[in-house]
């Protein structure tokens, strides 16, 4: 954040703590919603498709839609976009 804007010279000591908590809450929500998708499919293993489905189904995660792709292929090594 500091490097993304030339006007920002310093970050207060509390800012990293707030960002850390925000990341924790974000991951918790995405995981819970993805887990619900896995349970609906009668699985106890979370797959990347579950995460993609949770992203698509939740307006809150619309900013992640560009990571979700309609295509999958054998070249997918985990570094590609999440498949639908």
C-alpha atoms as a PDB file:
ATOM      1  CA  UNK A   1       0.000   0.000   0.000  1.00  0.00           C
ATOM      2  CA  UNK A   2       2.786   2.370   0.919  1.00  0.00           C
ATOM      3  CA  UNK A   3       4.581   1.688  -2.367  1.00  0.00           C
ATOM      4  CA  UNK A   4       1.419   2.018  -4.477  1.00  0.00           C
ATOM      5  CA  UNK A   5       1.003   5.739  -3.785  1.00  0.00           C
ATOM      6  CA  UNK A   6       3.787   8.326  -3.759  1.00  0.00           C
ATOM      7  CA  UNK A   7       1.816  10.495  -1.306  1.00  0.00           C
ATOM      8  CA  UNK A   8       1.941   7.820   1.393  1.00  0.00           C
ATOM      9  CA  UNK A   9       5.187   8.206   3.301  1.00  0.00           C
ATOM     10  CA  UNK A  10       4.469   6.265   6.493  1.00  0.00           C
ATOM     11  CA  UNK A  11       2.015   3.716   7.823  1.00  0.00           C
ATOM     12  CA  UNK A  12       0.951   3.809  11.453  1.00  0.00           C
ATOM     13  CA  UNK A  13       1.816   0.918  13.724  1.00  0.00           C
ATOM     14  CA  UNK A  14      -1.833  -0.103  13.983  1.00  0.00           C
ATOM     15  CA  UNK A  15      -2.380  -0.413  10.220  1.00  0.00           C
ATOM     16  CA  UNK A  16      -0.672  -3.817   9.800  1.00  0.00           C
ATOM     17  CA  UNK A  17      -2.744  -5.188  12.677  1.00  0.00           C
ATOM     18  CA  UNK A  18      -5.966  -3.973  11.066  1.00  0.00           C
ATOM     19  CA  UNK A  19      -4.961  -5.395   7.666  1.00  0.00           C
ATOM     20  CA  UNK A  20      -4.037  -8.690   9.306  1.00  0.00           C
ATOM     21  CA  UNK A  21      -7.458  -8.960  10.954  1.00  0.00           C
ATOM     22  CA  UNK A  22      -9.206  -7.992   7.710  1.00  0.00           C
ATOM     23  CA  UNK A  23      -7.325 -10.744   5.851  1.00  0.00           C
ATOM     24  CA  UNK A  24      -8.214 -13.242   8.565  1.00  0.00           C
ATOM     25  CA  UNK A  25     -11.922 -12.389   8.332  1.00  0.00           C
ATOM     26  CA  UNK A  26     -11.855 -12.487   4.523  1.00  0.00           C
ATOM     27  CA  UNK A  27     -10.233 -15.932   4.452  1.00  0.00           C
ATOM     28  CA  UNK A  28     -12.654 -17.175   7.097  1.00  0.00           C
ATOM     29  CA  UNK A  29     -15.702 -16.072   5.077  1.00  0.00           C
ATOM     30  CA  UNK A  30     -14.394 -17.481   1.803  1.00  0.00           C
ATOM     31  CA  UNK A  31     -13.530 -20.777   3.490  1.00  0.00           C
ATOM     32  CA  UNK A  32     -16.921 -21.100   5.203  1.00  0.00           C
ATOM     33  CA  UNK A  33     -18.796 -20.431   1.973  1.00  0.00           C
ATOM     34  CA  UNK A  34     -16.546 -22.811   0.035  1.00  0.00           C
ATOM     35  CA  UNK A  35     -17.015 -25.485   2.696  1.00  0.00           C
ATOM     36  CA  UNK A  36     -20.797 -25.152   2.343  1.00  0.00           C
ATOM     37  CA  UNK A  37     -20.419 -25.852  -1.387  1.00  0.00           C
ATOM     38  CA  UNK A  38     -18.320 -28.951  -0.648  1.00  0.00           C
ATOM     39  CA  UNK A  39     -20.895 -30.209   1.846  1.00  0.00           C
ATOM     40  CA  UNK A  40     -23.687 -29.751  -0.701  1.00  0.00           C
ATOM     41  CA  UNK A  41     -21.679 -32.001  -3.008  1.00  0.00           C
ATOM     42  CA  UNK A  42     -21.428 -34.515  -0.136  1.00  0.00           C
ATOM     43  CA  UNK A  43     -17.657 -34.165   0.103  1.00  0.00           C
ATOM     44  CA  UNK A  44     -15.406 -33.518   3.046  1.00  0.00           C
ATOM     45  CA  UNK A  45     -12.534 -32.254   0.920  1.00  0.00           C
ATOM     46  CA  UNK A  46     -12.406 -28.660  -0.260  1.00  0.00           C
ATOM     47  CA  UNK A  47     -11.639 -28.341  -3.987  1.00  0.00           C
ATOM     48  CA  UNK A  48     -10.748 -25.260  -6.002  1.00  0.00           C
ATOM     49  CA  UNK A  49     -14.111 -25.598  -7.756  1.00  0.00           C
ATOM     50  CA  UNK A  50     -15.798 -25.098  -4.381  1.00  0.00           C
ATOM     51  CA  UNK A  51     -13.909 -21.854  -3.924  1.00  0.00           C
ATOM     52  CA  UNK A  52     -14.819 -20.746  -7.446  1.00  0.00           C
ATOM     53  CA  UNK A  53     -18.487 -21.547  -6.807  1.00  0.00           C
ATOM     54  CA  UNK A  54     -18.427 -19.581  -3.561  1.00  0.00           C
ATOM     55  CA  UNK A  55     -16.891 -16.607  -5.372  1.00  0.00           C
ATOM     56  CA  UNK A  56     -19.505 -16.731  -8.126  1.00  0.00           C
ATOM     57  CA  UNK A  57     -22.420 -17.125  -5.701  1.00  0.00           C
ATOM     58  CA  UNK A  58     -21.407 -14.312  -3.347  1.00  0.00           C
ATOM     59  CA  UNK A  59     -21.716 -10.661  -4.386  1.00  0.00           C
ATOM     60  CA  UNK A  60     -19.204  -9.734  -1.716  1.00  0.00           C
ATOM     61  CA  UNK A  61     -16.518 -11.581  -3.708  1.00  0.00           C
ATOM     62  CA  UNK A  62     -17.312  -9.997  -7.082  1.00  0.00           C
ATOM     63  CA  UNK A  63     -13.868  -8.399  -7.133  1.00  0.00           C
ATOM     64  CA  UNK A  64     -12.452 -11.935  -7.501  1.00  0.00           C
ATOM     65  CA  UNK A  65     -14.551 -12.893 -10.522  1.00  0.00           C
ATOM     66  CA  UNK A  66     -11.680 -12.151 -12.901  1.00  0.00           C
ATOM     67  CA  UNK A  67      -9.778 -15.022 -11.242  1.00  0.00           C
ATOM     68  CA  UNK A  68     -12.528 -17.498 -12.034  1.00  0.00           C
ATOM     69  CA  UNK A  69     -12.224 -19.023 -15.476  1.00  0.00           C
ATOM     70  CA  UNK A  70     -14.673 -21.123 -17.478  1.00  0.00           C
ATOM     71  CA  UNK A  71     -11.973 -23.385 -18.852  1.00  0.00           C
ATOM     72  CA  UNK A  72      -9.785 -26.027 -17.301  1.00  0.00           C
ATOM     73  CA  UNK A  73      -7.032 -27.964 -18.890  1.00  0.00           C
ATOM     74  CA  UNK A  74      -4.170 -30.296 -18.148  1.00  0.00           C
ATOM     75  CA  UNK A  75      -1.813 -27.311 -18.146  1.00  0.00           C
ATOM     76  CA  UNK A  76      -3.503 -26.051 -14.976  1.00  0.00           C
ATOM     77  CA  UNK A  77      -0.810 -26.346 -12.334  1.00  0.00           C
ATOM     78  CA  UNK A  78      -2.463 -24.394  -9.564  1.00  0.00           C
ATOM     79  CA  UNK A  79      -1.035 -21.099 -10.758  1.00  0.00           C
ATOM     80  CA  UNK A  80      -3.744 -20.485 -13.330  1.00  0.00           C
ATOM     81  CA  UNK A  81      -7.140 -18.949 -12.728  1.00  0.00           C
ATOM     82  CA  UNK A  82      -9.591 -20.863 -10.579  1.00  0.00           C
ATOM     83  CA  UNK A  83     -11.873 -22.987 -12.722  1.00  0.00           C
ATOM     84  CA  UNK A  84     -15.641 -22.856 -12.555  1.00  0.00           C
END
